[in-house]
């Protein structure tokens, strides 16, 4: 997601691994305005994405709800008598 937004604003950046699960992100100094706009849009998209549940989770919940519904039993009544 960040890469898409960074390409939109033409922000040059580089990652460096500093430890296990730790990375440093380097930017060019002359792109301060572009970096600010880039991070503003990235955080807006990330927050919007975190508010909405994923479609796969919704589908899984719908499947479970459908499994738990009781099915109606079909009953035939024998009608004898007047015809």
N, C-alpha and C. Protein backbone atom coordinates (compact mmCIF):
# COMPACT_ATOMS: atom_id res chain seq x y z
N UNK A 1 0.83 -1.20 0.00
CA UNK A 1 0.00 0.00 0.00
C UNK A 1 0.87 1.26 0.00
N UNK A 2 1.94 1.23 0.81
CA UNK A 2 2.81 2.41 0.86
C UNK A 2 3.51 2.62 -0.47
N UNK A 3 3.91 1.54 -1.12
CA UNK A 3 4.63 1.65 -2.38
C UNK A 3 3.76 2.31 -3.45
N UNK A 4 2.46 2.00 -3.47
CA UNK A 4 1.55 2.63 -4.43
C UNK A 4 1.48 4.14 -4.21
N UNK A 5 1.34 4.54 -2.97
CA UNK A 5 1.22 5.96 -2.66
C UNK A 5 2.55 6.67 -2.93
N UNK A 6 3.67 6.02 -2.61
CA UNK A 6 4.97 6.64 -2.83
C UNK A 6 5.23 6.84 -4.32
N UNK A 7 4.82 5.89 -5.15
CA UNK A 7 4.99 6.05 -6.60
C UNK A 7 4.12 7.19 -7.12
N UNK A 8 2.93 7.36 -6.53
CA UNK A 8 2.03 8.43 -6.96
C UNK A 8 2.68 9.80 -6.76
N UNK A 9 3.38 9.97 -5.64
CA UNK A 9 4.00 11.25 -5.31
C UNK A 9 5.47 11.31 -5.73
N UNK A 10 5.97 10.31 -6.44
CA UNK A 10 7.36 10.24 -6.91
C UNK A 10 8.36 10.40 -5.76
N UNK A 11 8.11 9.69 -4.68
CA UNK A 11 8.99 9.73 -3.52
C UNK A 11 10.01 8.61 -3.66
N UNK A 12 11.30 8.97 -3.57
CA UNK A 12 12.38 7.98 -3.59
C UNK A 12 12.68 7.58 -2.15
N UNK A 13 12.76 6.27 -1.92
CA UNK A 13 13.05 5.80 -0.57
C UNK A 13 13.82 4.49 -0.66
N UNK A 14 14.42 4.10 0.45
CA UNK A 14 15.17 2.85 0.52
C UNK A 14 14.99 2.25 1.91
N UNK A 15 14.95 0.92 1.96
CA UNK A 15 14.84 0.19 3.22
C UNK A 15 16.20 -0.39 3.59
N UNK A 16 16.50 -0.40 4.87
CA UNK A 16 17.69 -1.08 5.38
C UNK A 16 17.26 -1.90 6.59
N UNK A 17 17.65 -3.16 6.61
CA UNK A 17 17.32 -4.02 7.74
C UNK A 17 18.34 -3.78 8.84
N UNK A 18 17.85 -3.44 10.04
CA UNK A 18 18.74 -3.15 11.15
C UNK A 18 18.75 -4.26 12.19
N UNK A 19 17.78 -5.14 12.14
CA UNK A 19 17.70 -6.23 13.09
C UNK A 19 16.53 -7.11 12.71
N UNK A 20 16.28 -8.13 13.53
CA UNK A 20 15.12 -8.97 13.22
C UNK A 20 13.82 -8.17 13.36
N UNK A 21 13.06 -8.14 12.31
CA UNK A 21 11.79 -7.40 12.26
C UNK A 21 11.95 -5.90 12.47
N UNK A 22 13.14 -5.36 12.19
CA UNK A 22 13.38 -3.93 12.30
C UNK A 22 13.98 -3.42 11.00
N UNK A 23 13.41 -2.34 10.50
CA UNK A 23 13.88 -1.75 9.26
C UNK A 23 13.98 -0.24 9.43
N UNK A 24 14.88 0.37 8.69
CA UNK A 24 14.96 1.83 8.63
C UNK A 24 14.57 2.25 7.23
N UNK A 25 13.87 3.36 7.15
CA UNK A 25 13.39 3.87 5.89
C UNK A 25 14.08 5.20 5.63
N UNK A 26 14.78 5.31 4.49
CA UNK A 26 15.53 6.51 4.15
C UNK A 26 14.87 7.23 2.98
N UNK A 27 14.81 8.56 3.09
CA UNK A 27 14.24 9.41 2.05
C UNK A 27 15.27 10.43 1.61
N UNK A 28 15.05 11.02 0.44
CA UNK A 28 15.89 12.13 0.00
C UNK A 28 15.45 13.40 0.74
N UNK A 29 16.40 14.23 1.08
CA UNK A 29 16.11 15.41 1.90
C UNK A 29 15.28 16.45 1.16
N UNK A 30 15.41 16.55 -0.15
CA UNK A 30 14.72 17.60 -0.90
C UNK A 30 13.26 17.33 -1.17
N UNK A 31 12.75 16.22 -0.70
CA UNK A 31 11.37 15.84 -0.99
C UNK A 31 10.46 15.94 0.24
N UNK A 32 10.70 16.90 1.08
CA UNK A 32 9.96 16.99 2.35
C UNK A 32 8.46 17.16 2.13
N UNK A 33 8.07 18.01 1.20
CA UNK A 33 6.64 18.24 0.95
C UNK A 33 5.97 16.99 0.38
N UNK A 34 6.65 16.34 -0.56
CA UNK A 34 6.10 15.13 -1.16
C UNK A 34 5.98 14.02 -0.13
N UNK A 35 6.96 13.92 0.76
CA UNK A 35 6.94 12.89 1.80
C UNK A 35 5.78 13.14 2.76
N UNK A 36 5.56 14.40 3.12
CA UNK A 36 4.45 14.75 4.02
C UNK A 36 3.11 14.38 3.40
N UNK A 37 2.92 14.75 2.14
CA UNK A 37 1.68 14.41 1.45
C UNK A 37 1.51 12.91 1.30
N UNK A 38 2.62 12.24 1.01
CA UNK A 38 2.59 10.78 0.84
C UNK A 38 2.15 10.09 2.13
N UNK A 39 2.75 10.48 3.25
CA UNK A 39 2.38 9.86 4.52
C UNK A 39 0.96 10.21 4.94
N UNK A 40 0.50 11.41 4.62
CA UNK A 40 -0.87 11.78 4.95
C UNK A 40 -1.86 10.89 4.21
N UNK A 41 -1.62 10.68 2.92
CA UNK A 41 -2.53 9.82 2.15
C UNK A 41 -2.41 8.36 2.58
N UNK A 42 -1.19 7.91 2.87
CA UNK A 42 -0.99 6.53 3.31
C UNK A 42 -1.73 6.25 4.62
N UNK A 43 -1.62 7.15 5.59
CA UNK A 43 -2.30 6.92 6.86
C UNK A 43 -3.81 6.97 6.68
N UNK A 44 -4.30 7.85 5.81
CA UNK A 44 -5.74 7.92 5.55
C UNK A 44 -6.24 6.60 4.95
N UNK A 45 -5.49 6.06 3.99
CA UNK A 45 -5.89 4.79 3.37
C UNK A 45 -5.80 3.64 4.36
N UNK A 46 -4.75 3.63 5.17
CA UNK A 46 -4.57 2.54 6.13
C UNK A 46 -5.68 2.55 7.19
N UNK A 47 -6.06 3.73 7.66
CA UNK A 47 -7.13 3.82 8.65
C UNK A 47 -8.47 3.41 8.05
N UNK A 48 -8.72 3.81 6.81
CA UNK A 48 -9.97 3.44 6.15
C UNK A 48 -10.03 1.92 5.94
N UNK A 49 -8.89 1.35 5.59
CA UNK A 49 -8.84 -0.09 5.35
C UNK A 49 -9.04 -0.87 6.65
N UNK A 50 -8.52 -0.35 7.76
CA UNK A 50 -8.64 -1.06 9.03
C UNK A 50 -10.06 -0.99 9.59
N UNK A 51 -10.84 0.02 9.21
CA UNK A 51 -12.21 0.14 9.71
C UNK A 51 -13.15 -0.87 9.07
N UNK A 52 -12.91 -1.21 7.83
CA UNK A 52 -13.80 -2.11 7.10
C UNK A 52 -13.31 -3.55 7.23
N UNK A 53 -14.21 -4.46 7.60
CA UNK A 53 -13.79 -5.86 7.65
C UNK A 53 -13.57 -6.39 6.24
N UNK A 54 -12.70 -7.36 6.12
CA UNK A 54 -12.39 -7.88 4.80
C UNK A 54 -13.57 -8.68 4.25
N UNK A 55 -13.65 -8.76 2.96
CA UNK A 55 -14.74 -9.48 2.30
C UNK A 55 -14.64 -10.97 2.61
N UNK A 56 -13.43 -11.50 2.69
CA UNK A 56 -13.26 -12.92 2.99
C UNK A 56 -13.80 -13.26 4.38
N UNK A 57 -13.58 -12.37 5.35
CA UNK A 57 -14.12 -12.61 6.69
C UNK A 57 -15.64 -12.57 6.68
N UNK A 58 -16.21 -11.63 5.93
CA UNK A 58 -17.66 -11.55 5.83
C UNK A 58 -18.23 -12.80 5.18
N UNK A 59 -17.57 -13.30 4.14
CA UNK A 59 -18.04 -14.52 3.48
C UNK A 59 -17.96 -15.72 4.42
N UNK A 60 -16.90 -15.80 5.19
CA UNK A 60 -16.75 -16.91 6.14
C UNK A 60 -17.83 -16.85 7.21
N UNK A 61 -18.16 -15.66 7.69
CA UNK A 61 -19.22 -15.52 8.68
C UNK A 61 -20.57 -15.89 8.09
N UNK A 62 -20.81 -15.53 6.84
CA UNK A 62 -22.07 -15.89 6.18
C UNK A 62 -22.18 -17.39 5.99
N UNK A 63 -21.07 -18.05 5.67
CA UNK A 63 -21.08 -19.51 5.53
C UNK A 63 -21.43 -20.18 6.85
N UNK A 64 -20.81 -19.70 7.92
CA UNK A 64 -21.08 -20.29 9.24
C UNK A 64 -22.52 -20.05 9.65
N UNK A 65 -23.06 -18.89 9.36
CA UNK A 65 -24.46 -18.60 9.70
C UNK A 65 -25.39 -19.49 8.90
N UNK A 66 -25.07 -19.75 7.65
CA UNK A 66 -25.91 -20.60 6.81
C UNK A 66 -25.87 -22.05 7.31
N UNK A 67 -24.73 -22.49 7.79
CA UNK A 67 -24.62 -23.85 8.32
C UNK A 67 -25.44 -24.03 9.59
N UNK A 68 -25.52 -22.97 10.38
CA UNK A 68 -26.20 -23.07 11.67
C UNK A 68 -27.71 -22.94 11.57
N UNK A 69 -28.21 -22.49 10.45
CA UNK A 69 -29.66 -22.36 10.30
C UNK A 69 -30.28 -23.75 10.27
N UNK A 70 -31.42 -23.85 10.90
CA UNK A 70 -32.11 -25.13 10.93
C UNK A 70 -32.87 -25.31 9.63
N UNK A 71 -32.77 -26.51 9.11
CA UNK A 71 -33.52 -26.80 7.89
C UNK A 71 -34.90 -27.31 8.28
N UNK A 72 -35.88 -26.94 7.50
CA UNK A 72 -37.24 -27.38 7.79
C UNK A 72 -37.39 -28.84 7.37
N UNK A 73 -38.09 -29.56 8.17
CA UNK A 73 -38.37 -30.94 7.82
C UNK A 73 -39.67 -30.98 7.02
N UNK A 74 -39.64 -31.75 5.97
CA UNK A 74 -40.84 -31.88 5.16
C UNK A 74 -41.70 -32.99 5.74
N UNK A 75 -42.94 -32.68 5.91
CA UNK A 75 -43.87 -33.67 6.46
C UNK A 75 -45.00 -33.88 5.48
N UNK A 76 -45.32 -35.10 5.27
CA UNK A 76 -46.48 -35.43 4.44
C UNK A 76 -47.56 -35.96 5.35
N UNK A 77 -48.70 -35.42 5.15
CA UNK A 77 -49.83 -35.89 5.94
C UNK A 77 -50.70 -36.75 5.05
N UNK A 78 -51.05 -37.84 5.58
CA UNK A 78 -51.93 -38.74 4.83
C UNK A 78 -53.37 -38.29 5.03
N UNK A 79 -54.02 -37.97 3.94
CA UNK A 79 -55.40 -37.53 4.00
C UNK A 79 -56.25 -38.68 3.47
N UNK A 80 -57.07 -39.19 4.31
CA UNK A 80 -57.94 -40.28 3.92
C UNK A 80 -59.37 -39.85 4.15
N UNK A 81 -60.19 -40.37 3.37
CA UNK A 81 -61.58 -40.02 3.59
C UNK A 81 -62.22 -39.56 2.30
N UNK A 82 -62.89 -38.42 2.34
CA UNK A 82 -63.65 -37.92 1.19
C UNK A 82 -62.72 -37.51 0.05
N UNK A 83 -63.11 -38.08 -1.11
CA UNK A 83 -62.41 -37.66 -2.33
C UNK A 83 -63.39 -37.42 -3.38
